[in-house]
Protein backbone atom coordinates (compact mmCIF):
# COMPACT_ATOMS: atom_id res chain seq x y z
CA MET A 1 32.03 17.17 -5.80
CA ASN A 2 33.01 14.18 -8.21
CA SER A 3 30.66 12.49 -10.70
CA VAL A 4 29.64 9.72 -8.42
CA GLU A 5 28.60 12.21 -5.52
CA SER A 6 26.75 14.36 -8.12
CA PHE A 7 24.79 11.40 -9.37
CA SER A 8 23.98 10.30 -5.80
CA PHE A 9 22.69 13.89 -5.10
CA VAL A 10 20.52 14.03 -8.08
CA ILE A 11 18.90 10.54 -7.41
CA THR A 12 18.52 11.39 -3.82
CA PHE A 13 16.75 14.62 -4.67
CA LEU A 14 14.46 13.17 -7.50
CA LEU A 15 13.38 10.02 -5.51
CA GLY A 16 13.12 11.89 -2.16
CA GLY A 17 10.81 14.31 -3.77
CA ILE A 18 8.57 11.72 -5.33
CA ILE A 19 8.42 9.99 -1.85
CA LEU A 20 7.34 13.30 -0.40
CA ILE A 21 4.74 13.64 -3.05
CA GLY A 22 3.42 10.13 -2.40
CA CYS A 23 3.20 10.93 1.32
CA PHE A 24 1.10 13.91 0.57
CA VAL A 25 -1.18 11.93 -1.65
CA ILE A 26 -1.67 9.28 1.10
CA LEU A 27 -2.68 12.10 3.42
CA ILE A 28 -5.20 13.33 0.82
CA VAL A 29 -6.63 9.83 0.44
CA LEU A 30 -7.09 9.28 4.00
CA LYS A 31 -8.75 12.80 4.36
CA SER A 32 -11.33 11.80 1.56
CA THR A 33 -14.20 10.80 3.73
CA SER A 34 -16.19 10.33 0.50
CA LEU A 35 -14.28 7.16 -0.05
CA TYR A 36 -15.42 5.61 3.28
CA ARG A 37 -13.49 2.44 4.09
CA SER A 38 -11.97 2.08 0.67
CA ARG A 39 -9.55 4.86 1.29
CA PHE A 40 -7.78 2.84 4.00
CA PHE A 41 -7.04 0.05 1.36
CA LEU A 42 -5.76 2.62 -1.27
CA ALA A 43 -3.64 4.21 1.50
CA ILE A 44 -1.95 0.96 2.48
CA ALA A 45 -1.38 0.04 -1.15
CA LEU A 46 0.35 3.44 -1.92
CA LEU A 47 2.28 3.06 1.38
CA GLY A 48 3.58 -0.30 0.07
CA LEU A 49 4.67 1.20 -3.24
CA LEU A 50 6.33 4.22 -1.41
CA GLN A 51 8.36 2.11 1.07
CA HIS A 52 9.61 0.14 -1.95
CA LEU A 53 10.74 3.28 -3.73
CA PHE A 54 12.47 4.29 -0.47
CA THR A 55 14.34 0.93 -0.68
CA TYR A 56 15.42 1.71 -4.29
CA LEU A 57 16.62 5.16 -2.96
CA LEU A 58 18.66 3.54 -0.24
CA PHE A 59 20.40 1.15 -2.59
CA THR A 60 20.89 3.44 -5.52
CA THR A 61 22.64 6.10 -3.39
CA GLN A 62 24.27 3.43 -1.38
CA LEU A 63 22.84 4.97 1.74
CA ILE A 64 21.97 1.52 2.95
CA LYS A 65 25.61 1.05 3.77
CA GLN A 66 25.33 3.79 6.25
CA TRP A 67 21.97 2.75 7.55
CA PRO A 68 22.21 -1.12 7.49
CA ASN A 69 19.43 -1.46 9.99
CA LEU A 70 16.99 -0.33 7.43
CA LEU A 71 17.67 -3.38 5.20
CA GLY A 72 14.42 -5.12 4.22
CA ILE A 73 12.39 -3.29 6.87
CA GLY A 74 9.41 -2.73 4.75
CA TYR A 75 9.74 -5.73 2.49
CA PRO A 76 6.69 -7.78 3.84
CA LEU A 77 4.45 -4.72 3.25
CA LEU A 78 4.93 -5.28 -0.55
CA PHE A 79 2.71 -8.41 -0.14
CA LEU A 80 -0.13 -6.14 0.86
CA VAL A 81 -0.23 -3.86 -2.21
CA GLY A 82 -2.01 -6.17 -4.40
CA PRO A 83 -4.71 -7.49 -1.93
CA CYS A 84 -5.24 -3.84 -0.53
CA PHE A 85 -5.67 -2.60 -4.19
CA TYR A 86 -8.17 -5.33 -4.91
CA PHE A 87 -10.22 -4.53 -1.87
CA PHE A 88 -9.98 -0.76 -2.71
CA VAL A 89 -11.70 -1.54 -6.07
CA ARG A 90 -14.17 -3.92 -4.34
CA SER A 91 -15.24 -1.40 -1.75
CA TYR A 92 -14.99 1.72 -3.78
CA GLY A 93 -18.28 3.68 -3.65
CA ASP A 94 -19.92 1.11 -1.22
CA ILE A 95 -20.77 2.60 2.17
CA SER A 96 -21.90 -0.77 3.43
CA HIS A 97 -18.71 -2.78 2.53
CA THR A 98 -17.39 -4.93 5.29
CA PHE A 99 -14.09 -6.91 5.65
CA LYS A 100 -15.27 -10.57 6.15
CA LYS A 101 -13.31 -13.19 7.99
CA ILE A 102 -12.52 -15.08 4.70
CA ASP A 103 -10.96 -11.92 3.31
CA TRP A 104 -8.21 -12.14 5.97
CA LEU A 105 -6.85 -15.20 3.76
CA HIS A 106 -5.54 -12.39 1.32
CA THR A 107 -3.16 -11.15 4.00
CA LEU A 108 -1.57 -14.60 4.31
CA PRO A 109 1.45 -13.74 2.02
CA PHE A 110 2.24 -10.73 4.04
CA ALA A 111 1.96 -12.69 7.37
CA VAL A 112 4.19 -15.47 5.94
CA MET A 113 6.88 -13.03 4.75
CA LEU A 114 6.74 -11.10 8.06
CA VAL A 115 7.42 -14.18 9.95
CA LEU A 116 10.23 -15.22 7.57
CA PHE A 117 11.89 -11.85 7.69
CA LEU A 118 11.42 -11.33 11.42
CA PRO A 119 14.77 -13.04 12.41
CA ARG A 120 16.56 -10.74 9.88
CA TYR A 121 15.47 -7.69 11.76
CA PHE A 122 17.48 -8.84 14.74
CA HIS A 123 20.76 -9.56 12.83
CA SER A 124 23.77 -7.82 13.93
CA ILE A 125 25.08 -4.84 12.09
CA GLU A 126 27.94 -6.99 10.78
CA GLN A 127 25.68 -9.59 9.31
CA LYS A 128 23.50 -6.96 7.61
CA GLN A 129 26.61 -5.30 6.18
CA GLU A 130 27.59 -8.75 4.77
CA ILE A 131 24.22 -9.18 3.17
CA ILE A 132 24.51 -5.68 1.65
CA SER A 133 28.04 -6.22 0.40
CA TYR A 134 26.98 -9.53 -1.26
CA TYR A 135 24.13 -7.61 -2.86
CA TYR A 136 26.56 -5.20 -4.36
CA GLU A 137 29.52 -7.27 -5.20
CA ILE A 138 28.42 -10.78 -6.14
CA LEU A 139 26.80 -11.15 -9.53
CA PRO A 140 25.23 -14.27 -10.97
CA ASN A 141 27.67 -16.80 -12.51
CA GLY A 142 25.93 -19.01 -14.96
CA PRO A 143 22.22 -20.02 -14.69
CA VAL A 144 20.12 -18.26 -11.99
CA ALA A 145 18.22 -20.64 -9.57
CA PHE A 146 14.56 -20.62 -9.92
CA SER A 147 14.24 -20.09 -6.05
CA ASP A 148 16.40 -16.88 -6.52
CA TRP A 149 14.15 -15.47 -9.29
CA LEU A 150 11.07 -16.30 -7.33
CA GLN A 151 12.25 -14.68 -4.17
CA ALA A 152 13.05 -11.51 -6.15
CA SER A 153 9.66 -11.46 -8.27
CA LEU A 154 7.14 -12.95 -6.01
CA HIS A 155 5.76 -9.71 -4.80
CA LEU A 156 5.54 -8.44 -8.36
CA ILE A 157 3.72 -11.80 -9.56
CA LEU A 158 1.22 -11.16 -6.75
CA LEU A 159 0.57 -7.63 -7.62
CA LEU A 160 0.15 -8.66 -11.24
CA ILE A 161 -2.42 -11.24 -10.44
CA TYR A 162 -4.45 -8.91 -8.03
CA SER A 163 -4.36 -6.09 -10.53
CA ILE A 164 -5.70 -8.34 -13.33
CA VAL A 165 -8.42 -9.79 -11.01
CA ALA A 166 -9.20 -6.20 -10.06
CA PHE A 167 -9.48 -5.10 -13.70
CA VAL A 168 -11.81 -8.02 -14.44
CA PHE A 169 -13.97 -7.17 -11.28
CA ILE A 170 -14.33 -3.67 -12.65
CA GLN A 171 -15.32 -4.79 -16.12
CA LYS A 172 -18.15 -7.03 -14.70
CA ARG A 173 -19.43 -4.80 -11.96
CA ASP A 174 -19.20 -1.28 -13.43
CA LYS A 175 -18.93 -0.79 -17.22
CA LYS A 176 -20.22 2.78 -17.24
CA ASN A 177 -18.36 4.96 -14.80
CA SER A 178 -15.02 3.13 -14.04
CA ILE A 179 -12.41 5.02 -16.08
CA LEU A 180 -10.22 5.96 -13.11
CA LEU A 181 -10.37 2.41 -11.49
CA LYS A 182 -9.49 0.91 -14.93
CA ARG A 183 -6.54 3.39 -15.21
CA PHE A 184 -5.36 2.29 -11.80
CA SER A 185 -5.63 -1.32 -12.61
CA VAL A 186 -3.90 -1.07 -16.02
CA LEU A 187 -1.08 1.07 -14.59
CA LEU A 188 -0.33 -1.52 -11.88
CA ILE A 189 -0.59 -4.40 -14.34
CA VAL A 190 2.04 -2.58 -16.68
CA LEU A 191 4.15 -1.78 -13.60
CA SER A 192 4.30 -5.27 -12.24
CA PHE A 193 4.82 -6.95 -15.56
CA ALA A 194 7.53 -4.47 -16.73
CA GLU A 195 9.41 -4.87 -13.38
CA ILE A 196 9.28 -8.70 -13.73
CA VAL A 197 10.57 -8.56 -17.25
CA VAL A 198 13.41 -6.00 -16.33
CA GLN A 199 14.35 -7.76 -13.23
CA THR A 200 14.41 -11.19 -14.80
CA GLY A 201 16.45 -9.94 -17.72
CA PHE A 202 19.01 -8.16 -15.60
CA LEU A 203 19.18 -11.17 -13.19
CA PHE A 204 19.98 -13.55 -15.88
CA ALA A 205 22.35 -11.23 -17.71
CA GLY A 206 24.27 -10.67 -14.49
CA ALA A 207 23.81 -6.81 -14.70
CA SER A 208 25.04 -4.77 -11.74
CA ALA A 209 22.61 -4.05 -8.93
CA ILE A 210 22.88 -0.27 -9.24
CA THR A 211 21.79 -0.53 -12.99
CA THR A 212 18.78 -2.76 -12.00
CA GLU A 213 17.87 -0.53 -9.14
CA ILE A 214 17.85 2.67 -11.32
CA ILE A 215 15.65 1.25 -13.95
CA LEU A 216 13.13 -0.20 -11.40
CA ALA A 217 13.11 3.03 -9.43
CA GLY A 218 12.32 4.85 -12.59
CA LEU A 219 9.29 2.60 -13.27
CA MET A 220 8.16 2.87 -9.66
CA SER A 221 8.52 6.67 -9.74
CA ILE A 222 6.37 6.99 -12.95
CA THR A 223 3.67 4.97 -11.44
CA ILE A 224 3.53 6.89 -8.10
CA LEU A 225 3.42 10.16 -9.91
CA LEU A 226 0.60 9.04 -12.20
CA LEU A 227 -1.40 7.59 -9.45
CA GLY A 228 -0.91 10.81 -7.43
CA TYR A 229 -1.91 12.91 -10.42
CA TRP A 230 -5.22 10.85 -11.09
CA ILE A 231 -6.01 10.83 -7.35
CA VAL A 232 -5.46 14.56 -6.70
CA ASP A 233 -6.77 15.93 -10.14
CA ILE A 234 -10.19 14.28 -10.46
CA LYS A 235 -12.39 15.98 -7.84
CA GLN A 236 -15.51 13.92 -8.53
CA VAL A 237 -13.68 10.81 -7.38
CA LEU A 238 -11.75 12.30 -4.49
CA PRO A 239 -13.40 15.55 -3.25
CA VAL A 240 -10.35 15.84 -1.00
CA LEU A 241 -9.96 19.46 -0.49
CA GLU A 242 -12.66 19.81 2.15
CA GLY A 243 -12.90 22.07 5.05
CA LYS A 244 -10.20 24.67 4.65
CA LYS A 245 -10.18 24.73 0.96
CA TYR A 246 -13.71 26.17 1.07
CA LYS A 247 -12.46 29.37 2.67
CA THR A 248 -11.04 30.45 -0.61
CA SER A 249 -14.03 29.00 -2.67
CA PRO A 250 -15.50 31.36 -5.23
CA LEU A 251 -19.00 30.15 -4.32
CA SER A 252 -21.05 33.00 -2.84
CA GLU A 253 -23.91 32.26 -0.22
CA ASP A 254 -26.57 32.84 -3.02
CA GLN A 255 -24.79 30.28 -5.41
CA SER A 256 -24.45 27.76 -2.56
CA GLU A 257 -28.21 27.99 -1.77
CA HIS A 258 -29.09 27.76 -5.50
CA ILE A 259 -26.90 24.58 -5.84
CA GLN A 260 -28.58 23.15 -2.58
CA LYS A 261 -31.90 23.71 -4.35
CA GLN A 262 -30.70 22.04 -7.53
CA ILE A 263 -29.61 18.99 -5.46
CA HIS A 264 -32.97 18.72 -3.86
CA ASP A 265 -34.67 19.06 -7.16
CA PHE A 266 -32.52 16.39 -8.62
CA PHE A 267 -33.69 13.75 -6.08
CA LYS A 268 -37.28 15.07 -6.20
CA GLU A 269 -37.76 15.19 -10.05
CA ASP A 270 -35.33 12.40 -11.26
CA THR A 271 -35.06 8.81 -10.45
CA LYS A 272 -31.32 8.52 -11.47
CA TYR A 273 -30.43 7.91 -7.80
CA LEU A 274 -32.01 4.44 -8.32
CA ASP A 275 -29.06 3.61 -10.62
CA PRO A 276 -26.45 1.52 -8.74
CA ASP A 277 -23.82 2.87 -10.87
CA LEU A 278 -24.69 6.54 -10.04
CA LYS A 279 -21.57 8.84 -9.36
CA ILE A 280 -21.26 12.39 -8.29
CA ALA A 281 -20.19 13.16 -11.90
CA ASP A 282 -23.56 12.05 -13.13
CA MET A 283 -25.34 14.55 -10.80
CA ALA A 284 -22.82 17.27 -11.99
CA ASN A 285 -23.71 16.63 -15.64
CA SER A 286 -27.35 16.52 -15.00
CA ILE A 287 -27.61 19.72 -12.98
CA ASN A 288 -24.72 21.46 -14.83
CA VAL A 289 -22.71 22.17 -11.69
CA PRO A 290 -19.03 21.20 -11.15
CA SER A 291 -18.78 18.18 -8.94
CA HIS A 292 -16.45 19.90 -6.46
CA HIS A 293 -18.96 22.59 -5.93
CA ILE A 294 -21.58 19.92 -5.31
CA SER A 295 -19.14 18.27 -2.72
CA GLN A 296 -18.66 21.76 -1.04
CA VAL A 297 -22.43 22.35 -0.73
CA LEU A 298 -23.02 18.89 0.67
CA ASN A 299 -20.41 19.29 3.19
CA GLU A 300 -21.03 22.88 4.25
CA LYS A 301 -24.76 23.31 3.79
CA MET A 302 -26.11 19.81 3.97
CA ASN A 303 -23.77 18.14 6.45
CA SER A 304 -23.70 14.99 4.24
CA SER A 305 -21.78 13.38 1.46
CA PHE A 306 -22.95 12.33 -1.91
CA TYR A 307 -23.29 8.52 -1.20
CA GLU A 308 -24.97 9.37 2.14
CA LEU A 309 -27.55 11.44 0.52
CA VAL A 310 -28.22 8.98 -2.29
CA ASN A 311 -28.61 6.13 0.10
CA GLN A 312 -31.07 8.24 2.15
CA HIS A 313 -33.30 8.70 -0.91
CA ARG A 314 -32.86 5.11 -1.78
CA ILE A 315 -34.13 4.07 1.59
CA CYS A 316 -37.10 6.41 1.43
CA LYS A 317 -37.97 4.81 -1.88
CA ALA A 318 -37.56 1.28 -0.35
CA LYS A 319 -39.87 2.29 2.55
CA GLU A 320 -42.52 3.46 0.11
CA MET A 321 -42.36 0.20 -1.80
CA LEU A 322 -42.57 -1.81 1.45
CA ARG A 323 -45.54 0.20 2.59
CA SER A 324 -47.32 -0.42 -0.70
CA GLY A 325 -47.14 -4.20 -0.31
CA ALA A 326 -44.25 -4.77 -2.70
CA ILE A 327 -42.94 -7.46 -0.31
CA GLU A 328 -45.85 -9.74 -1.42
CA ARG A 329 -44.42 -9.93 -5.00
CA LEU A 330 -40.87 -9.25 -4.68
CA SER A 331 -38.10 -10.57 -2.40
CA VAL A 332 -36.25 -8.19 -0.05
CA GLN A 333 -33.21 -8.44 -2.31
CA ALA A 334 -35.20 -7.62 -5.41
CA ILE A 335 -36.58 -4.57 -3.67
CA GLY A 336 -33.14 -3.46 -2.76
CA GLN A 337 -32.02 -3.88 -6.25
CA GLU A 338 -34.98 -1.84 -7.45
CA CYS A 339 -33.86 0.91 -5.03
CA GLY A 340 -30.38 0.99 -6.49
CA PHE A 341 -28.53 -1.31 -3.96
CA SER A 342 -26.04 -3.69 -5.67
CA SER A 343 -26.46 -6.43 -3.03
CA LYS A 344 -28.74 -7.66 -0.28
CA THR A 345 -26.07 -6.95 2.45
CA SER A 346 -25.67 -3.29 1.38
CA PHE A 347 -29.48 -2.75 1.39
CA TYR A 348 -29.90 -4.21 4.76
CA ARG A 349 -26.89 -2.38 6.22
CA ALA A 350 -28.27 1.00 4.87
CA PHE A 351 -31.76 0.39 5.83
CA LYS A 352 -30.80 -0.52 9.39
CA LYS A 353 -28.61 2.58 9.50
CA TYR A 354 -31.65 4.96 8.60
CA THR A 355 -34.40 3.27 10.21
CA SER A 356 -32.78 1.26 13.12
CA MET A 357 -34.55 -1.81 11.94
CA THR A 358 -34.42 -4.36 9.07
CA PRO A 359 -36.77 -4.33 6.07
CA ILE A 360 -38.76 -7.29 7.52
CA ALA A 361 -39.15 -5.69 10.88
CA TYR A 362 -40.24 -2.51 9.14
CA VAL A 363 -42.88 -4.54 7.18
CA LYS A 364 -44.21 -6.10 10.39
CA LYS A 365 -44.72 -2.62 11.98
CA ILE A 366 -46.90 -1.45 9.00
CA PRO A 367 -50.56 -1.44 9.96
């Protein structure tokens, strides 16, 4: 085995391993029902990053020459990474979040790129081989056209913009318990900015394609590994090892019952559940029980999730306020905010879920 073959084997092994890890993380995210709809946005964002890493793998190992039909097959998906990450941040922890019609505008770059790339999918093998050869053999001579630079960097610019917007959104909405989301945002900001700088530098310097791909693949690999570590490691954010994992749990039946009583006491004796920023980690700190043990008891013994239980108690408080005549001095939105809901929409949705009627209809039924 010569040096080129050895290098190709090492790159294939490393990048292939990271891609497998990324696929495992996506499965964990989709399994985490505690994330509600936000898990789908995070899964799509991760899938976009993974398919881009797979593209790097094809080019750095030159496997693309053997499988030319894979050329650019997942490129349009890159334009969903930024929007999906932004919607993950927006919907995180909000059981009532809905994808509105106007939100579809964020998928417009993806749709445009899909339409533009669609004819390329039907190119002949010879045409695709020609594009691949051009990519490897033709290097810039003199100034690079702005259109060429924009085509190579557009998805990174989009990711950078959405990551910054997501970070600003986190700062405004949740200043107390958003460390993980801030890490995600900062990591994607650094990734997109670094890749723009590296790609621009290599493009104008006329560096070889293989050098560029190796550096960019390294940056993407570090990003995916960090995201995977943060997602899997922090149980209070993603209590993902549900179901089968509890078979090997150290919790005894008595301990589970005791934790269940502590959870009931938490809602009975404390009003922290009225805090819109409440997280499972706050409950864990309050009752001095690990958050993954709380998740286990909620799933096994109480057939519920943390946010479902919180919303049930918030609605009970709202019903109490409505029965006491609070509607005469407060608006429906104000009552919802008093009960821990961040918006009128989330309050209405949760109220209707647990009472099968709106707050106004509930008031009208009160004698």
